[in-house]
Each structure stands twice: as structure tokens, then as C-alpha cells.
Amino acid sequence: MLKIDVSELNNFKETLKTGERILLSGTVYTARDAAHKRIFELLDRGEGLPFALSGAIIYYTGPSPAQNGRPVGSCGPTTSGRMDKYTPRLLDLGLSAIIGKGERSLDVRRSIVKNKAIYFCAVGGAGALMASHVISAEEIAFPELGCESVKKLVVQDLPLIVATDCHGGDIFTDERPKYAGVFKGALNE
């Protein structure tokens, strides 16, 4: 499995392929629905953002409170589709990659290709596993949003799958035909 540091991601983007598994280390920023709305309000007013978008990675998660001396509690991915209306603009502003779960819209997939970005999927339902790869966490914006505040996470060997690569490969659309009909008739027996 390929190990990639966030600072080196641009060196790997062209070679990463849909379905490839990687271990990511470095800084990622958390942002869910409410944080995206706030980020867009700042952008629309021409105000500064809590972190530089250029080269950044956003992880769609809202970590639960830290316990037992850990930096965060559970921090599994949330459904990426809820951020589809925000994603193309953020990619146009230099966002390098996104981490979440689930299928993306055609507009988002086109924007990923246009901007030579990557969409990684994290394993849903494995929040404790994902949290075990977080080595530090710092709340950097919108504390009033609670678990949905923007946090700067430093991760080590975060297990991810390339869901949409910068060439347009998409695990959801490309793999679906392989399984069409696998269970056909099984529910009728």
C-alpha cells in the first residue's frame, strides 16, 4: 500500500488510480455542512478563511469529543454528497483533495478532473479506526458549531481509497456494472 505525505500529494496525483488504497499522513482540515456554509459566507464577503485552500485537504467529518487522552473521539466520514454544492468552487480555489464517503455528483467529478484533484473515501462506520490515526487536533474556526467546527488534524497512515482520480475514474460508476445482476433473483427466492 502506498504511503503518501500530504506535502507530497501533488507528486502522486497523476499516478493515483481509482480503487487504489493509500495511507495518508500530514495535515487535513475537518469541515461538514455547517462549516462549509460559514466558509462560503466568508468567501462571499471577501474575508479571509481559517486555512489556506491552496493545496489543502478537507475531511468531511465532525469528530466527537476527545476521551482518554486521545486528540479526538470517533471521526468517521460523513456523506460527501451533502457538500456537492460547495465542492466545485473550493476546488477552483485550489483545494487539493477531499476525504468523505459515498458517491459524488457529475458536476463534482468533472471539477475534480478539471482541477487535477482527488476524492478519497474513508471507511464509513469505522470512526474509532479513523480516530486512531489522528495524532493531534486543533480547533481553528467556528467553535460555536461544536463537533462541526473546523479543526486542523495531523494524521498518520490514515487508510483511504481513491474514489475519484484526476483522470475521471470513479469507483462508484466504474465498478457498478461489475456487480449488476449479482443478486438478481436472490430476493425473489
N, C-alpha and C. Protein backbone atom coordinates (compact mmCIF):
# COMPACT_ATOMS: atom_id res chain seq x y z
N MET A 1 0.85 -1.17 0.00
CA MET A 1 0.00 0.00 0.00
C MET A 1 0.90 1.24 0.00
N LEU A 2 0.54 2.20 -0.81
CA LEU A 2 1.33 3.42 -0.97
C LEU A 2 1.15 4.34 0.22
N LYS A 3 2.26 4.84 0.76
CA LYS A 3 2.22 5.82 1.84
C LYS A 3 2.50 7.18 1.22
N ILE A 4 1.62 8.15 1.50
CA ILE A 4 1.75 9.49 0.93
C ILE A 4 1.67 10.53 2.03
N ASP A 5 2.61 11.46 2.02
CA ASP A 5 2.54 12.62 2.90
C ASP A 5 1.75 13.70 2.17
N VAL A 6 0.91 14.42 2.90
CA VAL A 6 0.10 15.48 2.31
C VAL A 6 0.97 16.44 1.50
N SER A 7 2.13 16.78 2.01
CA SER A 7 3.01 17.73 1.32
C SER A 7 3.52 17.20 -0.02
N GLU A 8 3.41 15.90 -0.24
CA GLU A 8 3.90 15.27 -1.47
C GLU A 8 2.76 14.83 -2.39
N LEU A 9 1.52 15.08 -2.00
CA LEU A 9 0.38 14.56 -2.76
C LEU A 9 0.43 14.97 -4.23
N ASN A 10 0.80 16.21 -4.52
CA ASN A 10 0.84 16.66 -5.92
C ASN A 10 1.76 15.80 -6.77
N ASN A 11 2.79 15.22 -6.18
CA ASN A 11 3.71 14.36 -6.93
C ASN A 11 3.08 13.02 -7.29
N PHE A 12 1.97 12.66 -6.64
CA PHE A 12 1.35 11.36 -6.86
C PHE A 12 0.02 11.44 -7.62
N LYS A 13 -0.56 12.63 -7.70
CA LYS A 13 -1.92 12.75 -8.26
C LYS A 13 -2.08 12.10 -9.62
N GLU A 14 -1.15 12.34 -10.52
CA GLU A 14 -1.28 11.82 -11.89
C GLU A 14 -1.22 10.29 -11.95
N THR A 15 -0.59 9.68 -10.96
CA THR A 15 -0.43 8.22 -11.00
C THR A 15 -1.46 7.48 -10.16
N LEU A 16 -2.15 8.18 -9.25
CA LEU A 16 -3.17 7.51 -8.43
C LEU A 16 -4.35 7.10 -9.29
N LYS A 17 -4.82 5.89 -9.09
CA LYS A 17 -5.93 5.35 -9.87
C LYS A 17 -7.08 4.95 -8.95
N THR A 18 -8.27 5.08 -9.48
CA THR A 18 -9.47 4.68 -8.77
C THR A 18 -9.33 3.27 -8.22
N GLY A 19 -9.71 3.11 -6.95
CA GLY A 19 -9.64 1.81 -6.29
C GLY A 19 -8.35 1.57 -5.54
N GLU A 20 -7.34 2.40 -5.80
CA GLU A 20 -6.05 2.23 -5.12
C GLU A 20 -6.18 2.61 -3.65
N ARG A 21 -5.55 1.83 -2.79
CA ARG A 21 -5.56 2.11 -1.35
C ARG A 21 -4.26 2.81 -0.98
N ILE A 22 -4.39 3.82 -0.12
CA ILE A 22 -3.21 4.56 0.33
C ILE A 22 -3.27 4.76 1.84
N LEU A 23 -2.14 5.17 2.39
CA LEU A 23 -2.05 5.60 3.78
C LEU A 23 -1.57 7.05 3.74
N LEU A 24 -2.39 7.97 4.23
CA LEU A 24 -2.10 9.40 4.15
C LEU A 24 -1.60 9.92 5.49
N SER A 25 -0.55 10.72 5.46
CA SER A 25 -0.01 11.35 6.67
C SER A 25 0.16 12.84 6.42
N GLY A 26 -0.10 13.63 7.46
CA GLY A 26 0.06 15.08 7.36
C GLY A 26 -1.16 15.81 7.87
N THR A 27 -1.31 17.06 7.44
CA THR A 27 -2.38 17.93 7.92
C THR A 27 -3.60 17.86 7.01
N VAL A 28 -4.77 17.65 7.61
CA VAL A 28 -6.06 17.75 6.92
C VAL A 28 -6.97 18.62 7.78
N TYR A 29 -7.97 19.20 7.15
CA TYR A 29 -8.91 20.08 7.86
C TYR A 29 -10.30 19.47 7.83
N THR A 30 -10.99 19.53 8.95
CA THR A 30 -12.35 19.00 9.01
C THR A 30 -13.34 20.08 8.63
N ALA A 31 -14.36 19.70 7.90
CA ALA A 31 -15.45 20.62 7.58
C ALA A 31 -16.64 19.80 7.11
N ARG A 32 -17.77 20.05 7.75
CA ARG A 32 -19.02 19.43 7.34
C ARG A 32 -19.95 20.51 6.83
N ASP A 33 -21.23 20.22 6.76
CA ASP A 33 -22.23 21.11 6.19
C ASP A 33 -22.18 22.53 6.75
N ALA A 34 -22.30 22.65 8.06
CA ALA A 34 -22.37 23.98 8.69
C ALA A 34 -21.08 24.77 8.47
N ALA A 35 -19.94 24.11 8.54
CA ALA A 35 -18.66 24.80 8.32
C ALA A 35 -18.54 25.24 6.86
N HIS A 36 -18.99 24.42 5.93
CA HIS A 36 -18.95 24.83 4.53
C HIS A 36 -19.80 26.08 4.31
N LYS A 37 -20.96 26.11 4.93
CA LYS A 37 -21.82 27.29 4.79
C LYS A 37 -21.09 28.52 5.30
N ARG A 38 -20.43 28.42 6.44
CA ARG A 38 -19.68 29.55 7.01
C ARG A 38 -18.50 29.95 6.12
N ILE A 39 -17.80 28.97 5.60
CA ILE A 39 -16.67 29.25 4.71
C ILE A 39 -17.15 30.03 3.49
N PHE A 40 -18.29 29.64 2.94
CA PHE A 40 -18.83 30.34 1.77
C PHE A 40 -19.28 31.75 2.11
N GLU A 41 -19.81 31.94 3.31
CA GLU A 41 -20.16 33.30 3.73
C GLU A 41 -18.91 34.18 3.77
N LEU A 42 -17.81 33.64 4.28
CA LEU A 42 -16.55 34.39 4.31
C LEU A 42 -16.06 34.69 2.89
N LEU A 43 -16.11 33.70 2.02
CA LEU A 43 -15.69 33.90 0.63
C LEU A 43 -16.54 34.96 -0.05
N ASP A 44 -17.86 34.89 0.15
CA ASP A 44 -18.76 35.85 -0.49
C ASP A 44 -18.55 37.27 0.00
N ARG A 45 -18.07 37.42 1.23
CA ARG A 45 -17.79 38.76 1.78
C ARG A 45 -16.35 39.19 1.52
N GLY A 46 -15.58 38.32 0.88
CA GLY A 46 -14.19 38.64 0.59
C GLY A 46 -13.28 38.63 1.81
N GLU A 47 -13.69 37.90 2.84
CA GLU A 47 -12.91 37.83 4.08
C GLU A 47 -11.96 36.63 4.04
N GLY A 48 -10.98 36.65 4.92
CA GLY A 48 -10.01 35.56 5.00
C GLY A 48 -10.63 34.28 5.52
N LEU A 49 -10.05 33.18 5.12
CA LEU A 49 -10.52 31.86 5.55
C LEU A 49 -9.68 31.36 6.72
N PRO A 50 -10.20 30.40 7.47
CA PRO A 50 -9.45 29.88 8.62
C PRO A 50 -8.22 29.06 8.24
N PHE A 51 -8.11 28.67 6.98
CA PHE A 51 -6.93 27.96 6.48
C PHE A 51 -6.82 28.23 4.99
N ALA A 52 -5.62 28.13 4.47
CA ALA A 52 -5.39 28.35 3.04
C ALA A 52 -5.94 27.15 2.26
N LEU A 53 -6.75 27.44 1.25
CA LEU A 53 -7.32 26.36 0.45
C LEU A 53 -6.30 25.73 -0.50
N SER A 54 -5.38 26.52 -1.00
CA SER A 54 -4.43 26.02 -1.98
C SER A 54 -3.61 24.86 -1.41
N GLY A 55 -3.77 23.70 -2.03
CA GLY A 55 -3.05 22.51 -1.61
C GLY A 55 -3.62 21.80 -0.40
N ALA A 56 -4.72 22.30 0.14
CA ALA A 56 -5.30 21.72 1.36
C ALA A 56 -6.16 20.50 1.05
N ILE A 57 -6.41 19.73 2.10
CA ILE A 57 -7.31 18.58 2.04
C ILE A 57 -8.39 18.77 3.09
N ILE A 58 -9.65 18.63 2.68
CA ILE A 58 -10.77 18.69 3.62
C ILE A 58 -11.28 17.27 3.85
N TYR A 59 -11.46 16.95 5.12
CA TYR A 59 -12.04 15.67 5.54
C TYR A 59 -13.43 15.97 6.06
N TYR A 60 -14.45 15.40 5.42
CA TYR A 60 -15.83 15.59 5.83
C TYR A 60 -16.10 14.76 7.08
N THR A 61 -15.80 15.32 8.22
CA THR A 61 -16.02 14.65 9.49
C THR A 61 -16.28 15.68 10.57
N GLY A 62 -16.96 15.27 11.60
CA GLY A 62 -17.17 16.09 12.79
C GLY A 62 -16.79 15.24 13.98
N PRO A 63 -15.51 15.26 14.35
CA PRO A 63 -15.05 14.37 15.42
C PRO A 63 -15.84 14.55 16.72
N SER A 64 -16.13 13.44 17.36
CA SER A 64 -16.76 13.52 18.68
C SER A 64 -15.70 13.97 19.69
N PRO A 65 -16.13 14.42 20.88
CA PRO A 65 -15.16 14.92 21.87
C PRO A 65 -14.09 13.89 22.22
N ALA A 66 -12.90 14.41 22.46
CA ALA A 66 -11.75 13.57 22.82
C ALA A 66 -11.98 12.91 24.18
N GLN A 67 -11.47 11.70 24.31
CA GLN A 67 -11.54 10.97 25.58
C GLN A 67 -10.26 10.20 25.79
N ASN A 68 -9.98 9.88 27.05
CA ASN A 68 -8.85 9.03 27.41
C ASN A 68 -7.51 9.52 26.85
N GLY A 69 -7.33 10.85 26.83
CA GLY A 69 -6.07 11.41 26.39
C GLY A 69 -5.84 11.41 24.89
N ARG A 70 -6.83 10.98 24.12
CA ARG A 70 -6.71 10.99 22.66
C ARG A 70 -7.01 12.38 22.13
N PRO A 71 -6.52 12.75 20.93
CA PRO A 71 -6.79 14.07 20.38
C PRO A 71 -8.25 14.28 19.96
N VAL A 72 -8.92 13.20 19.52
CA VAL A 72 -10.33 13.27 19.11
C VAL A 72 -11.01 11.98 19.52
N GLY A 73 -12.34 12.05 19.56
CA GLY A 73 -13.12 10.83 19.70
C GLY A 73 -13.30 10.23 18.31
N SER A 74 -14.37 9.53 18.12
CA SER A 74 -14.67 8.93 16.83
C SER A 74 -14.67 10.00 15.74
N CYS A 75 -14.09 9.69 14.59
CA CYS A 75 -14.11 10.69 13.49
C CYS A 75 -14.24 10.00 12.14
N GLY A 76 -15.36 9.32 11.98
CA GLY A 76 -15.65 8.69 10.70
C GLY A 76 -16.14 9.70 9.69
N PRO A 77 -16.13 9.35 8.42
CA PRO A 77 -16.56 10.27 7.36
C PRO A 77 -18.07 10.45 7.34
N THR A 78 -18.48 11.63 6.90
CA THR A 78 -19.90 11.87 6.69
C THR A 78 -20.17 11.82 5.19
N THR A 79 -21.43 11.75 4.82
CA THR A 79 -21.83 11.63 3.42
C THR A 79 -21.37 12.83 2.61
N SER A 80 -20.56 12.58 1.62
CA SER A 80 -19.95 13.65 0.82
C SER A 80 -20.95 14.41 -0.03
N GLY A 81 -21.99 13.74 -0.49
CA GLY A 81 -22.96 14.38 -1.37
C GLY A 81 -23.57 15.64 -0.81
N ARG A 82 -23.61 15.75 0.52
CA ARG A 82 -24.18 16.95 1.12
C ARG A 82 -23.31 18.18 0.87
N MET A 83 -22.06 17.98 0.50
CA MET A 83 -21.16 19.10 0.22
C MET A 83 -20.99 19.35 -1.27
N ASP A 84 -21.74 18.63 -2.11
CA ASP A 84 -21.58 18.76 -3.56
C ASP A 84 -21.78 20.19 -4.06
N LYS A 85 -22.71 20.92 -3.46
CA LYS A 85 -22.96 22.29 -3.96
C LYS A 85 -21.79 23.22 -3.66
N TYR A 86 -20.95 22.87 -2.71
CA TYR A 86 -19.80 23.71 -2.34
C TYR A 86 -18.50 23.29 -3.03
N THR A 87 -18.39 22.05 -3.37
CA THR A 87 -17.10 21.48 -3.77
C THR A 87 -16.47 22.09 -5.02
N PRO A 88 -17.21 22.29 -6.13
CA PRO A 88 -16.53 22.84 -7.32
C PRO A 88 -15.84 24.18 -7.06
N ARG A 89 -16.46 25.07 -6.34
CA ARG A 89 -15.83 26.37 -6.07
C ARG A 89 -14.57 26.21 -5.23
N LEU A 90 -14.62 25.34 -4.23
CA LEU A 90 -13.43 25.12 -3.39
C LEU A 90 -12.30 24.50 -4.20
N LEU A 91 -12.63 23.59 -5.10
CA LEU A 91 -11.60 23.00 -5.96
C LEU A 91 -11.01 24.06 -6.88
N ASP A 92 -11.86 24.93 -7.42
CA ASP A 92 -11.37 26.03 -8.27
C ASP A 92 -10.42 26.95 -7.51
N LEU A 93 -10.59 27.04 -6.19
CA LEU A 93 -9.74 27.89 -5.36
C LEU A 93 -8.48 27.16 -4.88
N GLY A 94 -8.29 25.93 -5.33
CA GLY A 94 -7.03 25.25 -5.05
C GLY A 94 -7.08 24.07 -4.11
N LEU A 95 -8.27 23.72 -3.60
CA LEU A 95 -8.36 22.55 -2.74
C LEU A 95 -7.79 21.35 -3.49
N SER A 96 -6.92 20.60 -2.84
CA SER A 96 -6.17 19.53 -3.49
C SER A 96 -6.90 18.19 -3.47
N ALA A 97 -7.57 17.91 -2.35
CA ALA A 97 -8.24 16.62 -2.21
C ALA A 97 -9.34 16.72 -1.17
N ILE A 98 -10.21 15.74 -1.21
CA ILE A 98 -11.36 15.66 -0.31
C ILE A 98 -11.40 14.23 0.23
N ILE A 99 -11.80 14.11 1.49
CA ILE A 99 -11.99 12.79 2.10
C ILE A 99 -13.43 12.72 2.61
N GLY A 100 -14.14 11.68 2.25
CA GLY A 100 -15.51 11.52 2.72
C GLY A 100 -15.98 10.10 2.48
N LYS A 101 -17.28 9.96 2.24
CA LYS A 101 -17.82 8.65 1.88
C LYS A 101 -18.97 8.86 0.91
N GLY A 102 -19.13 7.92 0.02
CA GLY A 102 -20.25 7.93 -0.90
C GLY A 102 -19.96 8.61 -2.23
N GLU A 103 -20.92 8.44 -3.11
CA GLU A 103 -20.82 8.92 -4.48
C GLU A 103 -20.91 10.44 -4.57
N ARG A 104 -20.26 11.01 -5.58
CA ARG A 104 -20.29 12.45 -5.84
C ARG A 104 -21.10 12.71 -7.10
N SER A 105 -21.60 13.94 -7.22
CA SER A 105 -22.36 14.33 -8.40
C SER A 105 -21.45 14.42 -9.62
N LEU A 106 -22.06 14.42 -10.79
CA LEU A 106 -21.31 14.57 -12.03
C LEU A 106 -20.55 15.90 -12.05
N ASP A 107 -21.18 16.98 -11.57
CA ASP A 107 -20.50 18.28 -11.52
C ASP A 107 -19.24 18.22 -10.67
N VAL A 108 -19.31 17.56 -9.53
CA VAL A 108 -18.13 17.44 -8.66
C VAL A 108 -17.07 16.60 -9.35
N ARG A 109 -17.45 15.50 -9.96
CA ARG A 109 -16.47 14.65 -10.64
C ARG A 109 -15.77 15.41 -11.77
N ARG A 110 -16.54 16.19 -12.51
CA ARG A 110 -15.93 17.00 -13.59
C ARG A 110 -14.97 18.03 -13.01
N SER A 111 -15.34 18.62 -11.89
CA SER A 111 -14.49 19.62 -11.25
C SER A 111 -13.21 18.99 -10.71
N ILE A 112 -13.30 17.77 -10.21
CA ILE A 112 -12.11 17.05 -9.75
C ILE A 112 -11.13 16.87 -10.90
N VAL A 113 -11.64 16.48 -12.06
CA VAL A 113 -10.78 16.30 -13.24
C VAL A 113 -10.21 17.65 -13.68
N LYS A 114 -11.07 18.65 -13.80
CA LYS A 114 -10.64 19.99 -14.25
C LYS A 114 -9.52 20.54 -13.37
N ASN A 115 -9.61 20.29 -12.08
CA ASN A 115 -8.65 20.86 -11.13
C ASN A 115 -7.54 19.89 -10.72
N LYS A 116 -7.50 18.72 -11.37
CA LYS A 116 -6.48 17.71 -11.04
C LYS A 116 -6.46 17.42 -9.54
N ALA A 117 -7.64 17.20 -8.99
CA ALA A 117 -7.79 16.90 -7.56
C ALA A 117 -8.04 15.40 -7.39
N ILE A 118 -8.23 15.00 -6.15
CA ILE A 118 -8.51 13.60 -5.82
C ILE A 118 -9.63 13.56 -4.79
N TYR A 119 -10.53 12.59 -4.94
CA TYR A 119 -11.54 12.33 -3.92
C TYR A 119 -11.22 10.97 -3.31
N PHE A 120 -10.93 10.99 -2.02
CA PHE A 120 -10.64 9.77 -1.28
C PHE A 120 -11.87 9.37 -0.47
N CYS A 121 -12.13 8.09 -0.38
CA CYS A 121 -13.16 7.58 0.53
C CYS A 121 -12.48 6.96 1.74
N ALA A 122 -13.07 7.28 2.89
CA ALA A 122 -12.69 6.64 4.15
C ALA A 122 -13.79 5.61 4.45
N VAL A 123 -13.49 4.66 5.28
CA VAL A 123 -14.45 3.62 5.58
C VAL A 123 -15.52 4.14 6.53
N GLY A 124 -16.76 4.15 6.07
CA GLY A 124 -17.87 4.54 6.92
C GLY A 124 -18.10 3.51 8.00
N GLY A 125 -18.51 3.95 9.17
CA GLY A 125 -18.76 3.04 10.28
C GLY A 125 -17.50 2.64 11.03
N ALA A 126 -16.38 3.23 10.65
CA ALA A 126 -15.10 2.89 11.29
C ALA A 126 -14.48 4.12 11.94
N GLY A 127 -15.32 4.92 12.60
CA GLY A 127 -14.86 6.17 13.22
C GLY A 127 -13.76 5.98 14.24
N ALA A 128 -13.83 4.89 15.01
CA ALA A 128 -12.78 4.64 16.02
C ALA A 128 -11.46 4.31 15.33
N LEU A 129 -11.52 3.53 14.26
CA LEU A 129 -10.31 3.23 13.49
C LEU A 129 -9.70 4.51 12.94
N MET A 130 -10.53 5.35 12.33
CA MET A 130 -10.03 6.59 11.75
C MET A 130 -9.42 7.47 12.84
N ALA A 131 -10.06 7.54 13.99
CA ALA A 131 -9.55 8.36 15.10
C ALA A 131 -8.20 7.87 15.58
N SER A 132 -7.95 6.58 15.48
CA SER A 132 -6.67 6.03 15.95
C SER A 132 -5.49 6.51 15.10
N HIS A 133 -5.77 7.10 13.95
CA HIS A 133 -4.72 7.62 13.07
C HIS A 133 -4.54 9.13 13.22
N VAL A 134 -5.30 9.75 14.12
CA VAL A 134 -5.17 11.20 14.37
C VAL A 134 -4.17 11.38 15.51
N ILE A 135 -3.09 12.12 15.24
CA ILE A 135 -2.08 12.30 16.29
C ILE A 135 -2.18 13.65 16.98
N SER A 136 -2.88 14.61 16.35
CA SER A 136 -3.15 15.88 17.04
C SER A 136 -4.35 16.55 16.40
N ALA A 137 -5.02 17.39 17.18
CA ALA A 137 -6.20 18.12 16.70
C ALA A 137 -6.22 19.50 17.33
N GLU A 138 -6.57 20.50 16.51
CA GLU A 138 -6.67 21.87 17.00
C GLU A 138 -7.89 22.52 16.35
N GLU A 139 -8.79 23.03 17.16
CA GLU A 139 -9.94 23.75 16.63
C GLU A 139 -9.46 25.10 16.13
N ILE A 140 -9.77 25.42 14.85
CA ILE A 140 -9.26 26.67 14.28
C ILE A 140 -10.34 27.65 13.85
N ALA A 141 -11.61 27.22 13.79
CA ALA A 141 -12.67 28.15 13.37
C ALA A 141 -14.04 27.64 13.78
N PHE A 142 -14.92 28.58 14.01
CA PHE A 142 -16.34 28.33 14.28
C PHE A 142 -16.59 27.42 15.48
N PRO A 143 -16.01 27.72 16.64
CA PRO A 143 -16.18 26.86 17.81
C PRO A 143 -17.64 26.68 18.22
N GLU A 144 -18.48 27.65 17.89
CA GLU A 144 -19.90 27.56 18.23
C GLU A 144 -20.60 26.42 17.51
N LEU A 145 -19.96 25.84 16.50
CA LEU A 145 -20.55 24.73 15.76
C LEU A 145 -20.31 23.38 16.43
N GLY A 146 -19.61 23.38 17.55
CA GLY A 146 -19.36 22.13 18.27
C GLY A 146 -18.54 21.16 17.45
N CYS A 147 -19.03 19.93 17.32
CA CYS A 147 -18.26 18.92 16.59
C CYS A 147 -18.07 19.29 15.12
N GLU A 148 -18.91 20.21 14.61
CA GLU A 148 -18.79 20.62 13.21
C GLU A 148 -17.86 21.82 13.01
N SER A 149 -17.19 22.28 14.07
CA SER A 149 -16.21 23.36 13.90
C SER A 149 -15.09 22.87 12.99
N VAL A 150 -14.36 23.82 12.41
CA VAL A 150 -13.22 23.45 11.58
C VAL A 150 -12.05 23.12 12.49
N LYS A 151 -11.47 21.95 12.26
CA LYS A 151 -10.31 21.51 13.04
C LYS A 151 -9.16 21.19 12.11
N LYS A 152 -7.97 21.46 12.61
CA LYS A 152 -6.75 21.06 11.91
C LYS A 152 -6.30 19.75 12.55
N LEU A 153 -6.32 18.69 11.76
CA LEU A 153 -5.90 17.37 12.25
C LEU A 153 -4.55 17.02 11.63
N VAL A 154 -3.70 16.44 12.41
CA VAL A 154 -2.49 15.82 11.88
C VAL A 154 -2.73 14.32 11.97
N VAL A 155 -2.66 13.67 10.82
CA VAL A 155 -2.95 12.23 10.74
C VAL A 155 -1.69 11.47 10.34
N GLN A 156 -1.67 10.21 10.74
CA GLN A 156 -0.56 9.34 10.35
C GLN A 156 -1.12 8.03 9.82
N ASP A 157 -0.77 7.74 8.58
CA ASP A 157 -1.20 6.50 7.92
C ASP A 157 -2.71 6.32 7.94
N LEU A 158 -3.44 7.39 7.64
CA LEU A 158 -4.90 7.33 7.55
C LEU A 158 -5.27 6.47 6.35
N PRO A 159 -6.00 5.36 6.55
CA PRO A 159 -6.31 4.46 5.43
C PRO A 159 -7.43 5.01 4.55
N LEU A 160 -7.14 5.15 3.26
CA LEU A 160 -8.09 5.73 2.32
C LEU A 160 -8.09 4.94 1.01
N ILE A 161 -9.16 5.13 0.25
CA ILE A 161 -9.28 4.54 -1.09
C ILE A 161 -9.49 5.67 -2.08
N VAL A 162 -8.80 5.63 -3.21
CA VAL A 162 -9.02 6.62 -4.26
C VAL A 162 -10.39 6.33 -4.87
N ALA A 163 -11.33 7.24 -4.66
CA ALA A 163 -12.69 7.04 -5.18
C ALA A 163 -12.87 7.71 -6.53
N THR A 164 -12.32 8.90 -6.70
CA THR A 164 -12.33 9.60 -7.99
C THR A 164 -10.93 10.11 -8.24
N ASP A 165 -10.33 9.69 -9.35
CA ASP A 165 -8.97 10.14 -9.64
C ASP A 165 -9.01 11.37 -10.55
N CYS A 166 -7.86 11.97 -10.77
CA CYS A 166 -7.81 13.22 -11.54
C CYS A 166 -7.99 13.00 -13.04
N HIS A 167 -8.13 11.75 -13.47
CA HIS A 167 -8.37 11.44 -14.88
C HIS A 167 -9.84 11.14 -15.15
N GLY A 168 -10.67 11.15 -14.10
CA GLY A 168 -12.09 10.91 -14.26
C GLY A 168 -12.55 9.52 -13.87
N GLY A 169 -11.63 8.67 -13.48
CA GLY A 169 -12.03 7.36 -12.98
C GLY A 169 -12.83 7.53 -11.70
N ASP A 170 -13.91 6.80 -11.57
CA ASP A 170 -14.78 6.92 -10.39
C ASP A 170 -15.20 5.52 -9.95
N ILE A 171 -14.85 5.18 -8.73
CA ILE A 171 -15.10 3.84 -8.23
C ILE A 171 -16.59 3.48 -8.24
N PHE A 172 -17.44 4.46 -8.03
CA PHE A 172 -18.88 4.17 -7.95
C PHE A 172 -19.47 3.89 -9.33
N THR A 173 -19.13 4.71 -10.32
CA THR A 173 -19.68 4.49 -11.66
C THR A 173 -18.93 3.40 -12.41
N ASP A 174 -17.62 3.29 -12.20
CA ASP A 174 -16.82 2.31 -12.93
C ASP A 174 -17.06 0.88 -12.43
N GLU A 175 -17.29 0.71 -11.16
CA GLU A 175 -17.41 -0.62 -10.58
C GLU A 175 -18.84 -1.16 -10.57
N ARG A 176 -19.82 -0.28 -10.63
CA ARG A 176 -21.22 -0.70 -10.55
C ARG A 176 -21.59 -1.77 -11.58
N PRO A 177 -21.18 -1.63 -12.85
CA PRO A 177 -21.56 -2.66 -13.83
C PRO A 177 -21.05 -4.06 -13.49
N LYS A 178 -19.93 -4.15 -12.80
CA LYS A 178 -19.38 -5.47 -12.43
C LYS A 178 -20.32 -6.24 -11.51
N TYR A 179 -21.13 -5.50 -10.76
CA TYR A 179 -21.98 -6.14 -9.76
C TYR A 179 -23.45 -6.14 -10.14
N ALA A 180 -23.77 -5.55 -11.27
CA ALA A 180 -25.16 -5.54 -11.73
C ALA A 180 -25.60 -6.98 -11.94
N GLY A 181 -26.68 -7.34 -11.34
CA GLY A 181 -27.22 -8.68 -11.50
C GLY A 181 -26.65 -9.73 -10.57
N VAL A 182 -25.65 -9.40 -9.78
CA VAL A 182 -25.05 -10.38 -8.87
C VAL A 182 -26.12 -10.95 -7.94
N PHE A 183 -26.99 -10.09 -7.47
CA PHE A 183 -28.02 -10.54 -6.54
C PHE A 183 -29.38 -10.65 -7.22
N LYS A 184 -29.39 -10.53 -8.53
CA LYS A 184 -30.64 -10.60 -9.27
C LYS A 184 -31.33 -11.93 -8.98
N GLY A 185 -32.56 -11.85 -8.59
CA GLY A 185 -33.32 -13.05 -8.29
C GLY A 185 -33.17 -13.55 -6.87
N ALA A 186 -32.12 -13.15 -6.20
CA ALA A 186 -31.88 -13.65 -4.84
C ALA A 186 -32.99 -13.23 -3.89
N LEU A 187 -33.53 -12.05 -4.10
CA LEU A 187 -34.58 -11.56 -3.21
C LEU A 187 -35.94 -12.17 -3.55
N ASN A 188 -36.06 -12.77 -4.71
CA ASN A 188 -37.33 -13.36 -5.12
C ASN A 188 -37.46 -14.82 -4.71
N GLU A 189 -36.41 -15.38 -4.13
CA GLU A 189 -36.45 -16.81 -3.78
C GLU A 189 -37.02 -17.03 -2.41
